[in-house]
N, C-alpha and C. Protein backbone atom coordinates (compact mmCIF):
# COMPACT_ATOMS: atom_id res chain seq x y z
N UNK A 1 -51.26 54.38 -16.25
CA UNK A 1 -52.12 54.04 -17.21
C UNK A 1 -52.76 52.78 -16.83
N UNK A 2 -52.06 51.69 -16.38
CA UNK A 2 -52.44 50.41 -16.10
C UNK A 2 -53.53 50.56 -14.82
N UNK A 3 -53.25 51.36 -13.96
CA UNK A 3 -54.16 51.63 -12.83
C UNK A 3 -55.35 52.20 -13.27
N UNK A 4 -55.33 53.18 -14.07
CA UNK A 4 -56.63 53.88 -14.60
C UNK A 4 -57.40 52.88 -15.43
N UNK A 5 -56.82 52.05 -16.22
CA UNK A 5 -57.58 51.04 -17.00
C UNK A 5 -58.30 50.03 -15.99
N UNK A 6 -57.52 49.66 -15.05
CA UNK A 6 -58.05 48.73 -13.97
C UNK A 6 -59.26 49.37 -13.27
N UNK A 7 -59.05 50.66 -12.77
CA UNK A 7 -60.13 51.34 -12.05
C UNK A 7 -61.31 51.34 -12.96
N UNK A 8 -61.25 51.84 -14.27
CA UNK A 8 -62.30 51.92 -14.99
C UNK A 8 -63.08 50.59 -15.44
N UNK A 9 -62.18 49.49 -15.45
CA UNK A 9 -62.82 48.10 -15.67
C UNK A 9 -63.69 47.72 -14.52
N UNK A 10 -63.00 48.04 -13.32
CA UNK A 10 -63.81 47.66 -12.05
C UNK A 10 -65.26 48.38 -12.01
N UNK A 11 -65.24 49.64 -12.59
CA UNK A 11 -66.26 50.40 -12.39
C UNK A 11 -67.34 50.02 -13.41
N UNK A 12 -66.93 49.61 -14.60
CA UNK A 12 -67.86 49.22 -15.53
C UNK A 12 -68.55 47.69 -15.33
N UNK A 13 -67.60 47.02 -14.82
CA UNK A 13 -68.15 45.58 -14.42
C UNK A 13 -69.15 45.75 -13.29
N UNK A 14 -68.86 46.59 -12.28
CA UNK A 14 -69.71 46.80 -11.22
C UNK A 14 -71.17 47.25 -11.75
N UNK A 15 -71.17 48.24 -12.57
CA UNK A 15 -72.46 48.60 -13.27
C UNK A 15 -73.16 47.55 -14.05
N UNK A 16 -72.36 46.71 -14.74
CA UNK A 16 -72.86 45.69 -15.48
C UNK A 16 -73.65 44.53 -14.64
N UNK A 17 -72.86 44.33 -13.39
CA UNK A 17 -73.43 43.38 -12.40
C UNK A 17 -74.57 43.93 -11.51
N UNK A 18 -74.90 45.14 -11.72
CA UNK A 18 -75.65 45.78 -10.59
C UNK A 18 -77.13 45.10 -10.58
N UNK A 19 -77.65 44.77 -11.55
CA UNK A 19 -79.05 44.13 -11.62
C UNK A 19 -79.11 42.58 -11.58
N UNK A 20 -77.78 41.90 -11.68
CA UNK A 20 -77.74 40.61 -11.71
C UNK A 20 -78.35 39.94 -10.51
N UNK A 21 -78.16 40.54 -9.24
CA UNK A 21 -78.65 40.24 -8.09
C UNK A 21 -80.15 39.92 -8.00
N UNK A 22 -80.89 40.77 -8.72
CA UNK A 22 -82.38 40.69 -8.82
C UNK A 22 -82.74 39.28 -9.49
N UNK A 23 -82.06 39.05 -10.57
CA UNK A 23 -82.47 37.79 -11.35
C UNK A 23 -81.95 36.53 -10.41
N UNK A 24 -80.79 36.78 -9.70
CA UNK A 24 -80.38 35.63 -9.05
C UNK A 24 -81.27 35.30 -7.73
N UNK A 25 -81.86 36.40 -7.27
CA UNK A 25 -82.84 36.31 -6.18
C UNK A 25 -84.03 35.54 -6.75
N UNK A 26 -84.47 35.99 -7.92
CA UNK A 26 -85.68 35.36 -8.42
C UNK A 26 -85.56 33.90 -8.56
N UNK A 27 -84.42 33.54 -9.25
CA UNK A 27 -84.17 32.14 -9.46
C UNK A 27 -84.17 31.30 -8.15
N UNK A 28 -83.67 31.93 -7.14
CA UNK A 28 -83.50 31.29 -5.79
C UNK A 28 -84.83 31.31 -5.10
N UNK A 29 -85.48 32.31 -5.12
CA UNK A 29 -86.74 32.56 -4.23
C UNK A 29 -87.98 31.96 -4.93
N UNK A 30 -88.20 32.08 -6.11
CA UNK A 30 -89.36 31.53 -6.80
C UNK A 30 -89.72 30.06 -6.47
N UNK A 31 -88.83 29.14 -6.59
CA UNK A 31 -89.23 27.79 -6.30
C UNK A 31 -89.42 27.69 -4.70
N UNK A 32 -88.81 28.50 -3.84
CA UNK A 32 -89.10 28.44 -2.39
C UNK A 32 -90.50 28.89 -2.10
N UNK A 33 -90.98 29.90 -2.81
CA UNK A 33 -92.37 30.32 -2.58
C UNK A 33 -93.33 29.40 -3.10
N UNK A 34 -92.91 28.74 -4.31
CA UNK A 34 -93.66 27.66 -4.63
C UNK A 34 -93.86 26.48 -3.71
N UNK A 35 -92.75 26.07 -3.17
CA UNK A 35 -92.82 25.10 -2.03
C UNK A 35 -93.74 25.51 -0.81
N UNK A 36 -93.57 26.79 -0.61
CA UNK A 36 -94.39 27.26 0.64
C UNK A 36 -95.81 27.35 0.13
N UNK A 37 -96.15 27.60 -1.08
CA UNK A 37 -97.63 27.54 -1.46
C UNK A 37 -98.03 25.98 -1.36
N UNK A 38 -97.08 25.08 -1.84
CA UNK A 38 -97.41 23.62 -1.79
C UNK A 38 -97.73 23.20 -0.38
N UNK A 39 -96.91 23.60 0.52
CA UNK A 39 -97.20 23.16 1.99
C UNK A 39 -98.45 23.82 2.51
N UNK A 40 -98.79 25.04 2.17
CA UNK A 40 -99.99 25.74 2.66
C UNK A 40 -101.22 24.94 2.03
N UNK A 41 -101.16 24.59 0.99
CA UNK A 41 -102.26 23.97 0.08
C UNK A 41 -102.38 22.57 0.61
N UNK A 42 -101.42 21.84 0.92
CA UNK A 42 -101.47 20.45 1.61
C UNK A 42 -102.09 20.61 3.00
N UNK A 43 -101.67 21.61 3.77
CA UNK A 43 -102.19 21.83 5.11
C UNK A 43 -103.74 22.11 4.92
N UNK A 44 -104.12 22.93 3.88
CA UNK A 44 -105.51 23.19 3.78
C UNK A 44 -106.34 21.89 3.50
N UNK A 45 -105.79 21.13 2.73
CA UNK A 45 -106.41 19.99 2.16
C UNK A 45 -106.43 19.04 3.50
N UNK A 46 -105.43 18.70 4.27
CA UNK A 46 -105.54 17.98 5.40
C UNK A 46 -106.59 18.46 6.53
N UNK A 47 -106.43 19.88 6.69
CA UNK A 47 -107.49 20.49 7.55
C UNK A 47 -108.99 20.14 7.19
N UNK A 48 -109.26 20.16 5.88
CA UNK A 48 -110.49 19.70 5.53
C UNK A 48 -110.81 18.27 5.59
N UNK A 49 -109.84 17.47 5.38
CA UNK A 49 -109.92 16.07 5.64
C UNK A 49 -110.19 15.84 7.10
N UNK A 50 -109.51 16.43 7.95
CA UNK A 50 -109.70 16.23 9.35
C UNK A 50 -111.01 16.67 10.07
N UNK A 51 -111.73 17.52 9.29
CA UNK A 51 -112.95 17.87 9.83
C UNK A 51 -113.98 16.77 9.63
N UNK A 52 -114.80 16.55 10.65
CA UNK A 52 -115.64 15.39 10.62
C UNK A 52 -116.99 15.60 9.95
N UNK A 53 -117.29 16.75 9.45
CA UNK A 53 -118.35 17.06 8.56
C UNK A 53 -118.20 17.24 7.07
N UNK A 54 -117.30 16.58 6.60
CA UNK A 54 -117.07 16.66 5.09
C UNK A 54 -118.08 15.99 4.35
N UNK A 55 -118.94 16.58 3.56
CA UNK A 55 -119.86 15.86 2.89
C UNK A 55 -119.40 15.65 1.49
N UNK A 56 -118.48 16.50 0.97
CA UNK A 56 -117.98 16.30 -0.31
C UNK A 56 -116.53 16.21 -0.45
N UNK A 57 -115.87 14.96 -0.66
CA UNK A 57 -114.48 14.86 -0.66
C UNK A 57 -113.75 15.79 -1.63
N UNK A 58 -114.59 16.13 -2.62
CA UNK A 58 -113.93 16.99 -3.59
C UNK A 58 -113.55 18.43 -3.23
N UNK A 59 -114.10 18.72 -2.04
CA UNK A 59 -113.66 20.06 -1.33
C UNK A 59 -112.19 20.11 -1.12
N UNK A 60 -111.65 18.96 -0.78
CA UNK A 60 -110.25 18.86 -0.47
C UNK A 60 -109.45 19.20 -1.75
N UNK A 61 -110.07 19.08 -2.93
CA UNK A 61 -109.15 19.24 -4.18
C UNK A 61 -108.73 20.70 -4.27
N UNK A 62 -109.47 21.60 -3.59
CA UNK A 62 -108.95 23.05 -3.58
C UNK A 62 -107.69 23.23 -3.03
N UNK A 63 -107.44 22.62 -2.06
CA UNK A 63 -105.96 22.76 -1.45
C UNK A 63 -105.00 21.97 -2.16
N UNK A 64 -105.38 20.94 -2.80
CA UNK A 64 -104.43 20.26 -3.73
C UNK A 64 -104.17 21.00 -5.07
N UNK A 65 -105.15 21.47 -5.46
CA UNK A 65 -104.98 22.42 -6.69
C UNK A 65 -104.10 23.59 -6.29
N UNK A 66 -104.21 24.30 -5.14
CA UNK A 66 -103.54 25.41 -4.75
C UNK A 66 -102.00 25.03 -4.82
N UNK A 67 -101.82 23.80 -4.16
CA UNK A 67 -100.40 23.25 -3.93
C UNK A 67 -99.81 23.13 -5.38
N UNK A 68 -100.62 22.52 -6.22
CA UNK A 68 -99.91 22.21 -7.57
C UNK A 68 -99.69 23.53 -8.39
N UNK A 69 -100.60 24.61 -8.32
CA UNK A 69 -100.48 25.89 -8.99
C UNK A 69 -99.25 26.56 -8.47
N UNK A 70 -99.11 26.74 -7.17
CA UNK A 70 -98.07 27.42 -6.55
C UNK A 70 -96.72 26.71 -6.98
N UNK A 71 -96.50 25.45 -6.82
CA UNK A 71 -95.39 24.78 -7.28
C UNK A 71 -95.07 25.09 -8.79
N UNK A 72 -96.06 25.04 -9.51
CA UNK A 72 -95.77 25.19 -10.93
C UNK A 72 -95.50 26.65 -11.27
N UNK A 73 -96.02 27.55 -10.66
CA UNK A 73 -95.60 28.99 -10.85
C UNK A 73 -94.29 29.30 -10.34
N UNK A 74 -93.98 28.82 -9.20
CA UNK A 74 -92.59 29.02 -8.64
C UNK A 74 -91.46 28.45 -9.65
N UNK A 75 -91.92 27.22 -10.11
CA UNK A 75 -90.83 26.58 -10.92
C UNK A 75 -90.80 27.44 -12.39
N UNK A 76 -91.97 27.79 -12.91
CA UNK A 76 -91.95 28.63 -14.11
C UNK A 76 -91.09 29.86 -14.10
N UNK A 77 -91.37 30.50 -12.91
CA UNK A 77 -90.59 31.90 -12.80
C UNK A 77 -89.21 31.59 -12.70
N UNK A 78 -88.75 30.58 -12.01
CA UNK A 78 -87.28 30.26 -11.95
C UNK A 78 -86.64 29.80 -13.34
N UNK A 79 -87.41 28.97 -14.02
CA UNK A 79 -86.95 28.58 -15.41
C UNK A 79 -86.73 29.67 -16.35
N UNK A 80 -87.92 30.52 -16.44
CA UNK A 80 -87.85 31.59 -17.26
C UNK A 80 -86.75 32.69 -17.00
N UNK A 81 -86.48 32.77 -15.67
CA UNK A 81 -85.46 33.75 -15.31
C UNK A 81 -84.05 33.32 -15.44
N UNK A 82 -83.86 31.89 -15.48
CA UNK A 82 -82.45 31.44 -15.56
C UNK A 82 -81.93 31.76 -16.96
N UNK A 83 -82.72 31.86 -18.00
CA UNK A 83 -82.24 32.03 -19.37
C UNK A 83 -81.66 33.46 -19.37
N UNK A 84 -82.35 34.56 -19.06
CA UNK A 84 -81.53 35.93 -19.09
C UNK A 84 -80.40 35.99 -18.16
N UNK A 85 -80.67 35.24 -17.10
CA UNK A 85 -79.49 35.38 -16.09
C UNK A 85 -78.12 34.84 -16.73
N UNK A 86 -78.28 33.65 -17.34
CA UNK A 86 -77.12 32.88 -18.04
C UNK A 86 -76.66 33.74 -19.12
N UNK A 87 -77.65 34.34 -19.93
CA UNK A 87 -77.27 35.19 -21.08
C UNK A 87 -76.38 36.40 -20.77
N UNK A 88 -76.89 37.07 -19.74
CA UNK A 88 -76.27 38.30 -19.19
C UNK A 88 -74.83 37.94 -18.56
N UNK A 89 -74.86 36.72 -17.90
CA UNK A 89 -73.48 36.44 -17.28
C UNK A 89 -72.49 36.18 -18.29
N UNK A 90 -72.99 35.47 -19.37
CA UNK A 90 -71.94 35.15 -20.58
C UNK A 90 -71.48 36.39 -21.14
N UNK A 91 -72.48 37.44 -21.42
CA UNK A 91 -72.11 38.63 -22.02
C UNK A 91 -71.04 39.44 -21.19
N UNK A 92 -71.30 39.39 -19.84
CA UNK A 92 -70.23 40.05 -18.95
C UNK A 92 -68.90 39.39 -19.11
N UNK A 93 -68.94 38.15 -19.01
CA UNK A 93 -67.65 37.32 -19.24
C UNK A 93 -66.95 37.56 -20.42
N UNK A 94 -67.84 37.62 -21.65
CA UNK A 94 -67.07 37.89 -22.73
C UNK A 94 -66.55 39.37 -22.83
N UNK A 95 -67.28 40.42 -22.22
CA UNK A 95 -66.93 41.73 -22.02
C UNK A 95 -65.47 41.83 -21.29
N UNK A 96 -65.36 41.03 -20.25
CA UNK A 96 -64.36 41.05 -19.41
C UNK A 96 -63.15 40.45 -20.24
N UNK A 97 -63.38 39.41 -21.02
CA UNK A 97 -62.20 38.83 -21.79
C UNK A 97 -61.76 39.78 -22.78
N UNK A 98 -62.63 40.54 -23.51
CA UNK A 98 -62.33 41.50 -24.56
C UNK A 98 -61.73 42.78 -23.83
N UNK A 99 -62.05 43.17 -22.75
CA UNK A 99 -61.48 44.27 -22.12
C UNK A 99 -59.97 43.85 -21.58
N UNK A 100 -59.80 42.70 -21.06
CA UNK A 100 -58.53 42.22 -20.79
C UNK A 100 -57.55 42.18 -21.95
N UNK A 101 -58.09 41.62 -23.09
CA UNK A 101 -57.37 41.38 -24.33
C UNK A 101 -56.98 42.78 -24.73
N UNK A 102 -57.89 43.76 -25.06
CA UNK A 102 -57.32 45.01 -25.52
C UNK A 102 -56.64 45.91 -24.55
N UNK A 103 -56.76 45.72 -23.44
CA UNK A 103 -55.95 46.42 -22.29
C UNK A 103 -54.54 45.92 -22.33
N UNK A 104 -54.39 44.67 -22.58
CA UNK A 104 -53.04 44.03 -22.72
C UNK A 104 -52.28 44.43 -23.96
N UNK A 105 -53.12 44.48 -24.98
CA UNK A 105 -52.58 44.83 -26.24
C UNK A 105 -52.12 46.44 -26.29
N UNK A 106 -52.88 47.23 -25.55
CA UNK A 106 -52.67 48.70 -25.35
C UNK A 106 -51.32 48.80 -24.62
N UNK A 107 -51.22 48.00 -23.69
CA UNK A 107 -49.94 48.14 -22.76
C UNK A 107 -48.82 47.70 -23.54
N UNK A 108 -48.82 46.65 -24.36
CA UNK A 108 -47.81 46.21 -25.07
C UNK A 108 -47.34 47.35 -26.08
N UNK A 109 -48.38 47.79 -26.72
CA UNK A 109 -48.07 48.87 -27.79
C UNK A 109 -47.49 50.10 -27.22
N UNK A 110 -47.94 50.51 -25.96
CA UNK A 110 -47.56 51.76 -25.31
C UNK A 110 -46.08 51.44 -24.78
N UNK A 111 -45.72 50.26 -24.31
CA UNK A 111 -44.33 50.00 -23.79
C UNK A 111 -43.23 50.09 -25.05
N UNK A 112 -43.93 49.43 -26.25
CA UNK A 112 -42.94 49.55 -27.44
C UNK A 112 -42.79 50.89 -27.89
N UNK A 113 -43.85 51.71 -27.94
CA UNK A 113 -43.71 53.07 -28.38
C UNK A 113 -42.62 53.82 -27.39
N UNK A 114 -42.94 53.61 -26.07
CA UNK A 114 -42.03 54.22 -25.08
C UNK A 114 -40.58 53.82 -25.19
N UNK A 115 -40.41 52.46 -25.52
CA UNK A 115 -38.95 51.97 -25.78
C UNK A 115 -38.44 52.61 -26.96
N UNK A 116 -39.06 52.66 -27.92
CA UNK A 116 -38.48 53.19 -29.26
C UNK A 116 -38.20 54.70 -29.02
N UNK A 117 -39.01 55.29 -28.29
CA UNK A 117 -38.75 56.81 -28.10
C UNK A 117 -37.58 57.17 -27.20
N UNK A 118 -37.25 56.23 -26.40
CA UNK A 118 -36.11 56.49 -25.46
C UNK A 118 -34.84 56.37 -26.35
N UNK A 119 -34.79 55.58 -27.31
CA UNK A 119 -33.54 55.34 -28.18
C UNK A 119 -32.85 56.50 -28.70
């Protein structure tokens, strides 16, 4: 009985964790993509600055705006995603706690019934 409960618990926990990797990847990758956009925007701005025929210095602002927007978007995605990730992690932890508690109780009751039946 103990092995059967353990096997089922492993199966259920695996199903519960099956999509958590997606959220974890989003939390990790979104800021990195934002930083990449920042670097590309700054490179664009410096390329415009380095050209000798800039008539309007505000043309450089496009690269800086790109940098700021991508940084903000990456951070926003990571921040928004961390809330459901932590919520689902806490639900999985609570489920594991309940499962262990009730499985232990069931084992104790089973052993008592088995011991009383043997007398």
